[in-house]
Amino acid sequence: MYKFTYAQPISLETTPITYAYNEESIATFKFQRHYSNTIKKMVDKLMDYRYFLQYDVYNLEDQLVFSCKKITRKGRVYYEAYDYLHKEKYMVSYDKWKELIPDLIIKSGNMQINIQKEMEGWSRFIWKDKEIARWKADVEGEFLIQLEIAEDSPIQHAAFFIGISQCVLFIGG
């Protein structure tokens, strides 16, 4: 497993640049919640910081490598994610809405990854009935986030898991 960690403030209103570190404690990516303009940020404050939701992940040279954005249309909520390195677009949508904590599905072409979302403990990314990654947030004054990616995961790009996890698991719908 490849392991990454980062710390996130508990307050959703703060949007600092956050660094993700590998298991040798070396910064590998940085990310930040993004607002395209000040009006969206003000409206989002009125909506409890959950309406305009986008996370952009950058490499250490400030190049945008991955982005995940919440989309709300006609009462339906889903997420669009884009991998700038591989030029790949992903759709993340909810599955099993009738459950208290619904699972999610990530789709791109023929690939489908399920996210088994947990409020406490590990949320698991499942591909072809196999766990390929997992994500967990523990609270100790701030959220201490752990991400683990299996060595045989079809997606090794940590920015993919960070961007989607921040939108879908950290803040949610």
N, C-alpha and C. Protein backbone atom coordinates (compact mmCIF):
# COMPACT_ATOMS: atom_id res chain seq x y z
N MET A 1 0.84 -1.19 0.00
CA MET A 1 0.00 0.00 0.00
C MET A 1 0.88 1.25 0.00
N TYR A 2 0.47 2.20 -0.82
CA TYR A 2 1.10 3.52 -0.80
C TYR A 2 0.27 4.37 0.15
N LYS A 3 0.93 5.07 1.07
CA LYS A 3 0.21 5.79 2.11
C LYS A 3 0.46 7.29 2.00
N PHE A 4 -0.62 8.05 2.22
CA PHE A 4 -0.57 9.51 2.20
C PHE A 4 -1.34 10.02 3.40
N THR A 5 -0.92 11.16 3.92
CA THR A 5 -1.61 11.79 5.04
C THR A 5 -1.68 13.29 4.81
N TYR A 6 -2.69 13.90 5.43
CA TYR A 6 -2.79 15.35 5.44
C TYR A 6 -3.75 15.75 6.54
N ALA A 7 -3.69 17.02 6.93
CA ALA A 7 -4.55 17.56 7.98
C ALA A 7 -5.46 18.61 7.38
N GLN A 8 -6.71 18.60 7.80
CA GLN A 8 -7.73 19.49 7.26
C GLN A 8 -8.44 20.17 8.42
N PRO A 9 -8.63 21.52 8.38
CA PRO A 9 -9.36 22.18 9.46
C PRO A 9 -10.78 21.64 9.58
N ILE A 10 -11.32 21.66 10.78
CA ILE A 10 -12.68 21.18 11.00
C ILE A 10 -13.70 22.12 10.36
N SER A 11 -13.44 23.40 10.38
CA SER A 11 -14.36 24.39 9.84
C SER A 11 -14.36 24.35 8.31
N LEU A 12 -15.55 24.20 7.71
CA LEU A 12 -15.67 24.18 6.25
C LEU A 12 -15.46 25.56 5.64
N GLU A 13 -15.58 26.62 6.44
CA GLU A 13 -15.44 27.96 5.88
C GLU A 13 -13.98 28.33 5.58
N THR A 14 -13.04 27.63 6.17
CA THR A 14 -11.64 27.90 5.87
C THR A 14 -11.21 27.07 4.67
N THR A 15 -10.47 27.69 3.78
CA THR A 15 -10.05 27.00 2.55
C THR A 15 -8.54 27.15 2.33
N PRO A 16 -7.74 26.65 3.25
CA PRO A 16 -6.29 26.80 3.11
C PRO A 16 -5.73 25.86 2.04
N ILE A 17 -4.56 26.20 1.55
CA ILE A 17 -3.83 25.26 0.71
C ILE A 17 -3.36 24.15 1.65
N THR A 18 -3.64 22.92 1.28
CA THR A 18 -3.30 21.78 2.12
C THR A 18 -2.32 20.89 1.37
N TYR A 19 -1.30 20.43 2.07
CA TYR A 19 -0.30 19.55 1.47
C TYR A 19 -0.57 18.11 1.87
N ALA A 20 -0.44 17.21 0.91
CA ALA A 20 -0.53 15.77 1.16
C ALA A 20 0.88 15.21 1.17
N TYR A 21 1.17 14.37 2.16
CA TYR A 21 2.51 13.83 2.36
C TYR A 21 2.51 12.32 2.14
N ASN A 22 3.59 11.82 1.56
CA ASN A 22 3.72 10.37 1.39
C ASN A 22 4.23 9.76 2.69
N GLU A 23 4.49 8.46 2.69
CA GLU A 23 4.88 7.78 3.93
C GLU A 23 6.26 8.19 4.44
N GLU A 24 7.07 8.85 3.60
CA GLU A 24 8.36 9.39 4.06
C GLU A 24 8.23 10.83 4.54
N SER A 25 6.99 11.30 4.71
CA SER A 25 6.67 12.67 5.15
C SER A 25 7.16 13.73 4.17
N ILE A 26 7.18 13.39 2.89
CA ILE A 26 7.57 14.33 1.83
C ILE A 26 6.29 14.80 1.14
N ALA A 27 6.14 16.13 1.00
CA ALA A 27 4.97 16.68 0.32
C ALA A 27 4.95 16.19 -1.12
N THR A 28 3.78 15.71 -1.58
CA THR A 28 3.65 15.19 -2.94
C THR A 28 2.64 15.97 -3.77
N PHE A 29 1.60 16.47 -3.13
CA PHE A 29 0.56 17.25 -3.80
C PHE A 29 0.10 18.35 -2.85
N LYS A 30 -0.57 19.34 -3.43
CA LYS A 30 -1.26 20.32 -2.62
C LYS A 30 -2.63 20.53 -3.25
N PHE A 31 -3.59 20.87 -2.42
CA PHE A 31 -4.93 21.07 -2.94
C PHE A 31 -5.63 22.15 -2.16
N GLN A 32 -6.73 22.64 -2.74
CA GLN A 32 -7.47 23.71 -2.10
C GLN A 32 -8.90 23.71 -2.65
N ARG A 33 -9.81 24.07 -1.78
CA ARG A 33 -11.18 24.28 -2.24
C ARG A 33 -11.18 25.53 -3.11
N HIS A 34 -11.90 25.46 -4.22
CA HIS A 34 -11.84 26.52 -5.22
C HIS A 34 -13.21 27.17 -5.43
N TYR A 35 -13.23 28.49 -5.47
CA TYR A 35 -14.43 29.25 -5.85
C TYR A 35 -14.05 30.06 -7.08
N SER A 36 -14.89 30.02 -8.11
CA SER A 36 -14.57 30.74 -9.34
C SER A 36 -14.77 32.25 -9.20
N ASN A 37 -15.55 32.67 -8.20
CA ASN A 37 -15.71 34.11 -7.95
C ASN A 37 -16.20 34.35 -6.53
N THR A 38 -16.16 35.59 -6.10
CA THR A 38 -16.52 35.97 -4.74
C THR A 38 -18.01 35.78 -4.46
N ILE A 39 -18.84 36.00 -5.46
CA ILE A 39 -20.29 35.84 -5.25
C ILE A 39 -20.62 34.39 -4.89
N LYS A 40 -20.00 33.44 -5.59
CA LYS A 40 -20.24 32.03 -5.27
C LYS A 40 -19.80 31.71 -3.85
N LYS A 41 -18.70 32.30 -3.43
CA LYS A 41 -18.23 32.05 -2.07
C LYS A 41 -19.21 32.61 -1.04
N MET A 42 -19.77 33.79 -1.30
CA MET A 42 -20.75 34.38 -0.38
C MET A 42 -22.04 33.57 -0.35
N VAL A 43 -22.52 33.13 -1.52
CA VAL A 43 -23.74 32.32 -1.57
C VAL A 43 -23.49 30.98 -0.87
N ASP A 44 -22.31 30.43 -1.07
CA ASP A 44 -21.99 29.15 -0.44
C ASP A 44 -22.01 29.27 1.09
N LYS A 45 -21.60 30.41 1.60
CA LYS A 45 -21.64 30.64 3.05
C LYS A 45 -23.08 30.54 3.54
N LEU A 46 -24.02 31.11 2.79
CA LEU A 46 -25.44 31.03 3.15
C LEU A 46 -25.98 29.59 3.06
N MET A 47 -25.35 28.77 2.24
CA MET A 47 -25.78 27.39 2.02
C MET A 47 -24.95 26.40 2.84
N ASP A 48 -24.32 26.88 3.93
CA ASP A 48 -23.56 26.03 4.84
C ASP A 48 -22.32 25.41 4.18
N TYR A 49 -21.74 26.10 3.22
CA TYR A 49 -20.50 25.69 2.54
C TYR A 49 -20.61 24.33 1.87
N ARG A 50 -21.79 23.99 1.36
CA ARG A 50 -21.97 22.68 0.72
C ARG A 50 -22.57 22.77 -0.68
N TYR A 51 -22.79 23.97 -1.21
CA TYR A 51 -23.43 24.07 -2.52
C TYR A 51 -22.40 24.17 -3.65
N PHE A 52 -21.53 25.18 -3.58
CA PHE A 52 -20.47 25.32 -4.58
C PHE A 52 -19.25 24.60 -4.06
N LEU A 53 -19.07 23.41 -4.52
CA LEU A 53 -18.03 22.55 -3.98
C LEU A 53 -17.10 22.10 -5.09
N GLN A 54 -15.86 22.54 -5.01
CA GLN A 54 -14.85 22.11 -5.98
C GLN A 54 -13.49 22.06 -5.29
N TYR A 55 -12.78 20.98 -5.52
CA TYR A 55 -11.41 20.86 -5.03
C TYR A 55 -10.48 20.69 -6.21
N ASP A 56 -9.41 21.47 -6.22
CA ASP A 56 -8.38 21.37 -7.25
C ASP A 56 -7.11 20.86 -6.59
N VAL A 57 -6.48 19.87 -7.24
CA VAL A 57 -5.25 19.27 -6.73
C VAL A 57 -4.11 19.65 -7.67
N TYR A 58 -3.02 20.12 -7.10
CA TYR A 58 -1.86 20.59 -7.87
C TYR A 58 -0.63 19.78 -7.52
N ASN A 59 0.30 19.69 -8.47
CA ASN A 59 1.59 19.13 -8.12
C ASN A 59 2.39 20.23 -7.43
N LEU A 60 3.59 19.95 -7.02
CA LEU A 60 4.37 20.94 -6.27
C LEU A 60 4.92 22.06 -7.15
N GLU A 61 4.74 21.92 -8.47
CA GLU A 61 5.12 22.99 -9.41
C GLU A 61 3.91 23.85 -9.77
N ASP A 62 2.84 23.77 -8.99
CA ASP A 62 1.61 24.54 -9.16
C ASP A 62 0.84 24.23 -10.44
N GLN A 63 1.02 23.05 -11.01
CA GLN A 63 0.25 22.64 -12.18
C GLN A 63 -1.00 21.89 -11.71
N LEU A 64 -2.14 22.28 -12.23
CA LEU A 64 -3.39 21.61 -11.89
C LEU A 64 -3.35 20.20 -12.47
N VAL A 65 -3.49 19.19 -11.62
CA VAL A 65 -3.42 17.80 -12.08
C VAL A 65 -4.76 17.07 -11.95
N PHE A 66 -5.65 17.55 -11.06
CA PHE A 66 -6.93 16.88 -10.89
C PHE A 66 -7.92 17.86 -10.28
N SER A 67 -9.18 17.73 -10.67
CA SER A 67 -10.23 18.59 -10.12
C SER A 67 -11.50 17.78 -9.97
N CYS A 68 -12.23 18.06 -8.89
CA CYS A 68 -13.52 17.41 -8.65
C CYS A 68 -14.51 18.49 -8.24
N LYS A 69 -15.68 18.47 -8.87
CA LYS A 69 -16.66 19.54 -8.68
C LYS A 69 -18.06 18.95 -8.51
N LYS A 70 -18.80 19.50 -7.54
CA LYS A 70 -20.19 19.09 -7.30
C LYS A 70 -21.09 19.77 -8.32
N ILE A 71 -22.01 19.00 -8.88
CA ILE A 71 -22.98 19.51 -9.85
C ILE A 71 -24.38 19.23 -9.30
N THR A 72 -25.23 20.25 -9.30
CA THR A 72 -26.62 20.08 -8.89
C THR A 72 -27.50 20.54 -10.04
N ARG A 73 -28.25 19.59 -10.61
CA ARG A 73 -29.15 19.91 -11.72
C ARG A 73 -30.47 19.19 -11.53
N LYS A 74 -31.55 19.95 -11.60
CA LYS A 74 -32.90 19.38 -11.51
C LYS A 74 -33.06 18.48 -10.29
N GLY A 75 -32.52 18.90 -9.16
CA GLY A 75 -32.65 18.15 -7.92
C GLY A 75 -31.72 16.95 -7.81
N ARG A 76 -30.89 16.74 -8.81
CA ARG A 76 -29.97 15.60 -8.82
C ARG A 76 -28.56 16.10 -8.49
N VAL A 77 -27.88 15.39 -7.61
CA VAL A 77 -26.52 15.76 -7.21
C VAL A 77 -25.55 14.69 -7.71
N TYR A 78 -24.49 15.14 -8.36
CA TYR A 78 -23.40 14.25 -8.77
C TYR A 78 -22.13 15.08 -8.82
N TYR A 79 -21.03 14.44 -9.12
CA TYR A 79 -19.74 15.12 -9.17
C TYR A 79 -19.08 14.83 -10.51
N GLU A 80 -18.40 15.83 -11.04
CA GLU A 80 -17.58 15.64 -12.23
C GLU A 80 -16.13 15.80 -11.80
N ALA A 81 -15.32 14.87 -12.24
CA ALA A 81 -13.89 14.92 -11.91
C ALA A 81 -13.10 14.84 -13.21
N TYR A 82 -11.96 15.52 -13.22
CA TYR A 82 -11.14 15.50 -14.43
C TYR A 82 -9.67 15.34 -14.04
N ASP A 83 -9.03 14.36 -14.66
CA ASP A 83 -7.61 14.09 -14.48
C ASP A 83 -6.87 14.79 -15.62
N TYR A 84 -6.20 15.88 -15.31
CA TYR A 84 -5.50 16.68 -16.32
C TYR A 84 -4.27 15.97 -16.88
N LEU A 85 -3.67 15.08 -16.11
CA LEU A 85 -2.49 14.36 -16.59
C LEU A 85 -2.85 13.31 -17.63
N HIS A 86 -3.94 12.60 -17.39
CA HIS A 86 -4.34 11.50 -18.29
C HIS A 86 -5.48 11.88 -19.21
N LYS A 87 -5.95 13.15 -19.11
CA LYS A 87 -7.05 13.65 -19.94
C LYS A 87 -8.28 12.74 -19.84
N GLU A 88 -8.63 12.41 -18.62
CA GLU A 88 -9.72 11.47 -18.35
C GLU A 88 -10.79 12.16 -17.51
N LYS A 89 -12.05 12.01 -17.92
CA LYS A 89 -13.17 12.59 -17.19
C LYS A 89 -13.91 11.46 -16.45
N TYR A 90 -14.32 11.75 -15.22
CA TYR A 90 -15.02 10.78 -14.38
C TYR A 90 -16.34 11.38 -13.89
N MET A 91 -17.33 10.56 -13.75
CA MET A 91 -18.62 10.95 -13.17
C MET A 91 -18.76 10.18 -11.87
N VAL A 92 -19.05 10.89 -10.80
CA VAL A 92 -19.23 10.28 -9.49
C VAL A 92 -20.68 10.54 -9.09
N SER A 93 -21.42 9.47 -8.85
CA SER A 93 -22.84 9.63 -8.49
C SER A 93 -23.19 8.71 -7.32
N TYR A 94 -24.31 9.05 -6.69
CA TYR A 94 -24.77 8.28 -5.54
C TYR A 94 -25.48 7.02 -5.98
N ASP A 95 -25.34 5.98 -5.19
CA ASP A 95 -26.03 4.71 -5.41
C ASP A 95 -26.75 4.38 -4.11
N LYS A 96 -27.92 3.80 -4.22
CA LYS A 96 -28.68 3.38 -3.03
C LYS A 96 -29.06 4.57 -2.15
N TRP A 97 -29.75 5.56 -2.73
CA TRP A 97 -30.16 6.75 -2.01
C TRP A 97 -31.01 6.47 -0.79
N LYS A 98 -31.69 5.34 -0.76
CA LYS A 98 -32.59 5.06 0.35
C LYS A 98 -31.87 4.66 1.63
N GLU A 99 -30.58 4.42 1.53
CA GLU A 99 -29.79 4.07 2.70
C GLU A 99 -29.37 5.33 3.44
N LEU A 100 -29.10 5.18 4.73
CA LEU A 100 -28.67 6.32 5.54
C LEU A 100 -27.36 6.89 5.02
N ILE A 101 -26.41 6.03 4.70
CA ILE A 101 -25.13 6.45 4.13
C ILE A 101 -25.02 5.77 2.76
N PRO A 102 -25.38 6.50 1.69
CA PRO A 102 -25.37 5.86 0.37
C PRO A 102 -23.95 5.62 -0.15
N ASP A 103 -23.81 4.54 -0.92
CA ASP A 103 -22.55 4.28 -1.61
C ASP A 103 -22.47 5.18 -2.83
N LEU A 104 -21.31 5.24 -3.42
CA LEU A 104 -21.11 6.06 -4.61
C LEU A 104 -20.47 5.23 -5.70
N ILE A 105 -20.63 5.69 -6.94
CA ILE A 105 -20.06 5.01 -8.09
C ILE A 105 -19.25 6.03 -8.89
N ILE A 106 -18.02 5.65 -9.24
CA ILE A 106 -17.16 6.45 -10.11
C ILE A 106 -17.14 5.74 -11.45
N LYS A 107 -17.48 6.47 -12.52
CA LYS A 107 -17.51 5.87 -13.86
C LYS A 107 -16.70 6.69 -14.84
N SER A 108 -16.01 5.97 -15.71
CA SER A 108 -15.32 6.56 -16.85
C SER A 108 -15.16 5.46 -17.89
N GLY A 109 -15.82 5.62 -19.03
CA GLY A 109 -15.75 4.58 -20.05
C GLY A 109 -16.26 3.27 -19.49
N ASN A 110 -15.46 2.22 -19.61
CA ASN A 110 -15.84 0.90 -19.11
C ASN A 110 -15.45 0.68 -17.66
N MET A 111 -14.72 1.62 -17.07
CA MET A 111 -14.27 1.46 -15.68
C MET A 111 -15.35 1.92 -14.72
N GLN A 112 -15.58 1.12 -13.69
CA GLN A 112 -16.50 1.49 -12.62
C GLN A 112 -15.86 1.15 -11.28
N ILE A 113 -15.78 2.15 -10.41
CA ILE A 113 -15.25 1.98 -9.06
C ILE A 113 -16.37 2.34 -8.09
N ASN A 114 -16.61 1.49 -7.12
CA ASN A 114 -17.61 1.77 -6.09
C ASN A 114 -16.90 2.32 -4.85
N ILE A 115 -17.55 3.28 -4.22
CA ILE A 115 -17.04 3.80 -2.95
C ILE A 115 -18.02 3.38 -1.87
N GLN A 116 -17.55 2.61 -0.94
CA GLN A 116 -18.36 2.23 0.22
C GLN A 116 -18.05 3.24 1.31
N LYS A 117 -18.93 4.22 1.42
CA LYS A 117 -18.72 5.36 2.32
C LYS A 117 -19.04 4.98 3.75
N GLU A 118 -18.15 5.35 4.65
CA GLU A 118 -18.34 5.14 6.09
C GLU A 118 -18.16 6.46 6.81
N MET A 119 -19.00 6.72 7.80
CA MET A 119 -18.86 7.95 8.59
C MET A 119 -17.70 7.83 9.57
N GLU A 120 -17.49 6.66 10.09
CA GLU A 120 -16.35 6.41 10.98
C GLU A 120 -15.62 5.20 10.41
N GLY A 121 -14.35 5.20 10.47
CA GLY A 121 -13.58 4.10 9.89
C GLY A 121 -13.25 4.37 8.43
N TRP A 122 -12.84 3.33 7.76
CA TRP A 122 -12.34 3.45 6.40
C TRP A 122 -13.47 3.44 5.37
N SER A 123 -13.47 4.42 4.46
CA SER A 123 -14.30 4.37 3.26
C SER A 123 -13.45 3.67 2.21
N ARG A 124 -14.05 2.70 1.51
CA ARG A 124 -13.28 1.84 0.63
C ARG A 124 -13.63 2.07 -0.84
N PHE A 125 -12.62 2.10 -1.69
CA PHE A 125 -12.78 2.17 -3.14
C PHE A 125 -12.65 0.74 -3.67
N ILE A 126 -13.71 0.25 -4.33
CA ILE A 126 -13.76 -1.14 -4.78
C ILE A 126 -13.82 -1.18 -6.32
N TRP A 127 -12.93 -1.96 -6.91
CA TRP A 127 -12.91 -2.18 -8.36
C TRP A 127 -12.83 -3.69 -8.60
N LYS A 128 -13.78 -4.20 -9.36
CA LYS A 128 -13.84 -5.64 -9.65
C LYS A 128 -13.78 -6.47 -8.36
N ASP A 129 -14.59 -6.09 -7.38
CA ASP A 129 -14.71 -6.79 -6.09
C ASP A 129 -13.42 -6.79 -5.27
N LYS A 130 -12.52 -5.87 -5.54
CA LYS A 130 -11.25 -5.81 -4.80
C LYS A 130 -11.03 -4.38 -4.30
N GLU A 131 -10.61 -4.26 -3.05
CA GLU A 131 -10.30 -2.93 -2.50
C GLU A 131 -9.01 -2.42 -3.13
N ILE A 132 -9.12 -1.24 -3.79
CA ILE A 132 -7.94 -0.66 -4.44
C ILE A 132 -7.41 0.56 -3.68
N ALA A 133 -8.24 1.12 -2.81
CA ALA A 133 -7.81 2.26 -1.99
C ALA A 133 -8.80 2.41 -0.84
N ARG A 134 -8.34 3.14 0.18
CA ARG A 134 -9.24 3.46 1.29
C ARG A 134 -8.83 4.80 1.87
N TRP A 135 -9.82 5.48 2.49
CA TRP A 135 -9.67 6.84 2.99
C TRP A 135 -10.35 6.94 4.34
N LYS A 136 -9.72 7.65 5.28
CA LYS A 136 -10.27 7.79 6.62
C LYS A 136 -9.91 9.14 7.20
N ALA A 137 -10.85 9.73 7.95
CA ALA A 137 -10.62 11.00 8.64
C ALA A 137 -10.84 10.81 10.13
N ASP A 138 -9.82 11.09 10.92
CA ASP A 138 -9.93 11.06 12.38
C ASP A 138 -9.88 12.49 12.89
N VAL A 139 -10.61 12.76 13.96
CA VAL A 139 -10.65 14.11 14.51
C VAL A 139 -9.75 14.19 15.74
N GLU A 140 -8.79 15.10 15.68
CA GLU A 140 -7.92 15.39 16.83
C GLU A 140 -7.56 16.87 16.79
N GLY A 141 -8.55 17.73 17.04
CA GLY A 141 -8.35 19.17 16.93
C GLY A 141 -8.56 19.65 15.51
N GLU A 142 -8.26 18.82 14.56
CA GLU A 142 -8.53 19.02 13.13
C GLU A 142 -8.71 17.61 12.55
N PHE A 143 -9.09 17.55 11.29
CA PHE A 143 -9.22 16.23 10.67
C PHE A 143 -7.85 15.75 10.23
N LEU A 144 -7.47 14.57 10.69
CA LEU A 144 -6.23 13.94 10.25
C LEU A 144 -6.64 12.87 9.25
N ILE A 145 -6.26 13.06 8.01
CA ILE A 145 -6.72 12.22 6.91
C ILE A 145 -5.65 11.21 6.53
N GLN A 146 -6.09 9.97 6.31
CA GLN A 146 -5.21 8.92 5.81
C GLN A 146 -5.77 8.40 4.50
N LEU A 147 -4.90 8.20 3.53
CA LEU A 147 -5.26 7.61 2.25
C LEU A 147 -4.27 6.50 1.96
N GLU A 148 -4.78 5.34 1.61
CA GLU A 148 -3.92 4.22 1.25
C GLU A 148 -4.36 3.70 -0.12
N ILE A 149 -3.39 3.50 -1.02
CA ILE A 149 -3.66 3.02 -2.37
C ILE A 149 -2.93 1.69 -2.55
N ALA A 150 -3.66 0.68 -3.00
CA ALA A 150 -3.06 -0.64 -3.22
C ALA A 150 -2.05 -0.57 -4.36
N GLU A 151 -1.00 -1.36 -4.23
CA GLU A 151 0.05 -1.37 -5.25
C GLU A 151 -0.46 -1.84 -6.60
N ASP A 152 -1.52 -2.65 -6.62
CA ASP A 152 -2.06 -3.14 -7.89
C ASP A 152 -3.34 -2.40 -8.32
N SER A 153 -3.57 -1.23 -7.76
CA SER A 153 -4.73 -0.43 -8.15
C SER A 153 -4.58 0.01 -9.60
N PRO A 154 -5.67 -0.01 -10.38
CA PRO A 154 -5.58 0.45 -11.77
C PRO A 154 -5.32 1.96 -11.86
N ILE A 155 -5.60 2.67 -10.77
CA ILE A 155 -5.31 4.11 -10.70
C ILE A 155 -4.30 4.32 -9.58
N GLN A 156 -3.12 4.77 -9.94
CA GLN A 156 -2.06 5.01 -8.96
C GLN A 156 -1.89 6.49 -8.65
N HIS A 157 -2.68 7.30 -9.33
CA HIS A 157 -2.58 8.75 -9.21
C HIS A 157 -3.25 9.21 -7.91
N ALA A 158 -2.46 9.52 -6.89
CA ALA A 158 -3.01 9.89 -5.58
C ALA A 158 -3.93 11.11 -5.68
N ALA A 159 -3.66 12.02 -6.61
CA ALA A 159 -4.51 13.20 -6.77
C ALA A 159 -5.95 12.81 -7.10
N PHE A 160 -6.14 11.72 -7.83
CA PHE A 160 -7.48 11.21 -8.13
C PHE A 160 -8.24 10.93 -6.84
N PHE A 161 -7.63 10.18 -5.95
CA PHE A 161 -8.29 9.80 -4.71
C PHE A 161 -8.44 11.00 -3.76
N ILE A 162 -7.46 11.89 -3.74
CA ILE A 162 -7.54 13.07 -2.88
C ILE A 162 -8.69 13.98 -3.32
N GLY A 163 -8.75 14.31 -4.61
CA GLY A 163 -9.79 15.21 -5.12
C GLY A 163 -11.19 14.68 -4.89
N ILE A 164 -11.40 13.42 -5.24
CA ILE A 164 -12.73 12.81 -5.07
C ILE A 164 -13.07 12.68 -3.59
N SER A 165 -12.12 12.26 -2.79
CA SER A 165 -12.38 12.09 -1.35
C SER A 165 -12.72 13.40 -0.67
N GLN A 166 -12.04 14.46 -1.02
CA GLN A 166 -12.33 15.76 -0.40
C GLN A 166 -13.75 16.20 -0.71
N CYS A 167 -14.19 16.06 -1.95
CA CYS A 167 -15.55 16.47 -2.31
C CYS A 167 -16.60 15.52 -1.74
N VAL A 168 -16.43 14.25 -2.00
CA VAL A 168 -17.48 13.28 -1.73
C VAL A 168 -17.48 12.78 -0.29
N LEU A 169 -16.31 12.52 0.26
CA LEU A 169 -16.26 11.95 1.60
C LEU A 169 -16.09 13.00 2.69
N PHE A 170 -15.26 14.01 2.44
CA PHE A 170 -15.00 15.02 3.47
C PHE A 170 -16.20 15.95 3.64
N ILE A 171 -16.74 16.48 2.54
CA ILE A 171 -17.86 17.40 2.64
C ILE A 171 -19.17 16.72 2.26
N GLY A 172 -19.18 15.96 1.19
CA GLY A 172 -20.38 15.22 0.80
C GLY A 172 -21.43 16.08 0.15
N GLY A 173 -22.62 15.52 0.01
CA GLY A 173 -23.67 16.17 -0.76
C GLY A 173 -24.69 16.83 0.07
